[in-house]
Protein backbone atom coordinates (compact mmCIF):
# COMPACT_ATOMS: atom_id res chain seq x y z
CA MET A 1 11.21 -43.58 -1.04
CA ALA A 2 13.04 -43.14 -4.17
CA MET A 3 12.35 -40.27 -6.59
CA THR A 4 12.49 -40.69 -10.27
CA ASP A 5 13.46 -37.73 -12.58
CA TYR A 6 11.32 -37.20 -15.62
CA LYS A 7 12.43 -34.85 -18.32
CA THR A 8 9.62 -32.51 -19.36
CA SER A 9 9.23 -31.21 -22.87
CA ASN A 10 8.37 -27.65 -23.55
CA TYR A 11 9.01 -27.71 -27.25
CA ASP A 12 11.84 -25.22 -26.70
CA PHE A 13 9.24 -22.59 -26.52
CA HIS A 14 10.45 -19.03 -25.74
CA GLU A 15 8.52 -15.74 -25.91
CA GLN A 16 10.26 -12.42 -25.99
CA THR A 17 8.64 -9.00 -26.17
CA LEU A 18 10.28 -6.19 -28.17
CA ASN A 19 8.94 -3.12 -26.16
CA ASP A 20 5.95 -3.30 -28.54
CA ASN A 21 3.84 -1.80 -25.70
CA GLN A 22 6.50 0.86 -24.91
CA PRO A 23 6.95 3.03 -28.10
CA SER A 24 9.70 5.64 -28.25
CA VAL A 25 8.22 9.21 -28.38
CA LYS A 26 9.47 12.67 -28.58
CA ASN A 27 8.61 15.07 -25.61
CA THR A 28 7.14 18.23 -27.25
CA ALA A 29 6.44 20.02 -23.86
CA THR A 30 8.91 22.61 -22.67
CA ARG A 31 9.47 20.87 -19.43
CA THR A 32 10.70 17.36 -18.47
CA VAL A 33 7.92 14.85 -18.12
CA VAL A 34 8.59 12.67 -15.05
CA HIS A 35 8.57 8.90 -14.43
CA TYR A 36 4.97 7.52 -14.14
CA GLU A 37 3.40 10.81 -15.42
CA LEU A 38 0.55 10.36 -17.76
CA VAL A 39 1.25 11.95 -21.08
CA LEU A 40 -0.07 12.20 -24.68
CA LEU A 41 2.90 12.22 -26.96
CA ASN A 42 3.16 11.57 -30.65
CA GLY A 43 -0.45 10.23 -30.65
CA TYR A 44 0.11 7.70 -27.90
CA PHE A 45 -1.44 7.94 -24.31
CA GLY A 46 0.47 6.26 -21.45
CA GLU A 47 2.92 6.75 -18.57
CA VAL A 48 6.54 7.72 -18.81
CA ARG A 49 8.78 4.75 -18.25
CA GLN A 50 12.01 6.54 -18.22
CA TYR A 51 13.31 6.58 -14.73
CA GLU A 52 15.06 10.07 -15.38
CA GLY A 53 12.04 11.34 -17.22
CA ILE A 54 12.08 12.65 -20.72
CA GLU A 55 13.50 16.11 -21.31
CA PRO A 56 12.09 18.58 -23.73
CA ASN A 57 12.77 17.62 -27.46
CA ALA A 58 14.31 14.30 -26.20
CA ARG A 59 13.02 10.85 -26.94
CA GLY A 60 11.94 8.23 -24.31
CA ARG A 61 9.54 5.31 -23.76
CA ILE A 62 6.01 5.43 -22.51
CA CYS A 63 3.92 2.38 -21.67
CA ILE A 64 0.66 1.99 -23.74
CA GLU A 65 -0.34 -1.55 -22.36
CA HIS A 66 -4.12 -1.71 -22.15
CA ALA A 67 -4.63 -5.12 -20.39
CA ARG A 68 -4.29 -3.60 -16.87
CA THR A 69 -5.83 -0.87 -14.66
CA LEU A 70 -4.09 2.36 -13.70
CA HIS A 71 -4.66 4.12 -10.30
CA THR A 72 -3.55 7.74 -10.24
CA SER A 73 -4.17 11.09 -8.49
CA GLN A 74 -3.10 12.91 -11.67
CA VAL A 75 -6.63 14.34 -11.93
CA LYS A 76 -7.91 17.94 -12.57
CA ALA A 77 -7.88 20.10 -9.46
CA GLY A 78 -11.00 21.25 -7.92
CA LEU A 79 -13.34 18.53 -9.29
CA ALA A 80 -16.68 18.06 -7.55
CA GLU A 81 -17.24 15.11 -5.22
CA ASP A 82 -18.09 11.93 -6.94
CA ALA A 83 -17.14 13.47 -10.42
CA PHE A 84 -15.77 10.16 -11.51
CA VAL A 85 -18.38 7.45 -12.17
CA VAL A 86 -17.64 3.79 -12.46
CA ASP A 87 -18.06 2.36 -16.06
CA ALA A 88 -17.97 5.93 -17.39
CA VAL A 89 -15.38 7.17 -19.84
CA VAL A 90 -12.39 9.07 -18.39
CA PHE A 91 -10.73 11.92 -20.46
CA PHE A 92 -7.26 13.16 -20.59
CA VAL A 93 -6.34 16.82 -21.28
CA PRO A 94 -2.69 16.68 -22.62
CA GLN A 95 0.28 18.45 -21.09
CA ALA A 96 0.99 21.85 -22.56
CA LEU A 97 4.22 23.77 -22.36
CA LEU A 98 4.86 23.93 -18.57
CA VAL A 99 1.65 22.45 -17.40
CA GLU A 100 1.15 18.75 -16.70
CA GLY A 101 -1.81 16.83 -18.26
CA TYR A 102 -4.72 15.61 -16.17
CA LEU A 103 -7.67 13.23 -16.11
CA CYS A 104 -11.25 14.62 -16.02
CA ALA A 105 -14.69 13.14 -15.95
CA VAL A 106 -16.18 15.15 -18.81
CA SER A 107 -14.80 16.12 -22.24
CA GLU A 108 -13.00 19.42 -22.28
CA ALA A 109 -11.23 21.39 -24.96
CA ASP A 110 -8.33 19.14 -26.32
CA ALA A 111 -9.43 16.22 -24.15
CA VAL A 112 -9.22 12.71 -25.49
CA PRO A 113 -11.03 9.67 -24.05
CA VAL A 114 -8.49 7.25 -22.61
CA GLY A 115 -10.22 4.53 -20.69
CA ILE A 116 -13.26 3.22 -18.71
CA ILE A 117 -13.41 4.13 -14.93
CA THR A 118 -13.17 1.09 -12.73
CA ASP A 119 -12.94 2.77 -9.31
CA ALA A 120 -12.74 6.26 -7.94
CA ASP A 121 -12.33 8.23 -4.73
CA SER A 122 -15.67 9.78 -3.45
CA LEU A 123 -13.74 13.14 -3.23
CA SER A 124 -12.36 12.84 -6.77
CA ALA A 125 -8.79 12.79 -5.42
CA TRP A 126 -7.86 9.80 -7.46
CA VAL A 127 -9.30 7.54 -10.18
CA GLU A 128 -8.74 3.97 -11.39
CA PHE A 129 -9.38 3.06 -15.02
CA ARG A 130 -8.77 0.52 -17.64
CA PRO A 131 -7.09 2.17 -20.67
CA PHE A 132 -8.32 1.84 -24.19
CA SER A 133 -6.35 -0.28 -26.58
CA GLN A 134 -4.10 1.70 -28.91
CA SER A 135 -2.94 0.55 -32.23
CA SER A 136 0.77 0.72 -33.00
CA ASP A 137 2.83 -0.36 -35.92
CA VAL A 138 5.58 -2.43 -34.42
CA SER A 139 7.66 -2.16 -37.60
CA LEU A 140 7.67 1.76 -37.28
CA MET A 141 8.67 1.38 -33.66
CA ARG A 142 11.54 -1.03 -34.55
CA ASP A 143 12.65 1.41 -37.29
CA GLU A 144 12.66 4.26 -34.65
CA LEU A 145 14.85 2.11 -32.36
CA VAL A 146 17.36 1.59 -35.25
CA LYS A 147 17.54 5.42 -35.68
CA ILE A 148 18.25 5.83 -31.90
CA VAL A 149 20.93 3.22 -31.89
CA GLU A 150 22.50 4.69 -35.05
CA ALA A 151 22.54 8.17 -33.50
CA VAL A 152 24.43 6.95 -30.41
């Protein structure tokens, strides 16, 4: 049986992302925020994507992609059983000085709504949620990258 080669046309299509879902932010806490830690920095909520973390007063990238679910145990200590309810809003209390931020089931002082709960542990040890979409000005992020490159 002979095979015939056919050339396929893909119109020379190519897509490239420019880290538009990973803005560069400045760590305003007094401790290093670690890889995959949920943070609220410079108005963006997301997880740290720098493997070495982001040191105090340094810049680094966090992921703000919303088309996904996040599963984490970075929740408030001592929550009651079944505190997280599927389809309810989950809130984030930002990191402060030496204390890491945490997710909670009800709004607290300084808390911001960050997503909709899709699953949760019955003991409230972890929560899974779909983050809200965040607006970002890609041109501002690109300008920030230029400043970082020029500083190096």
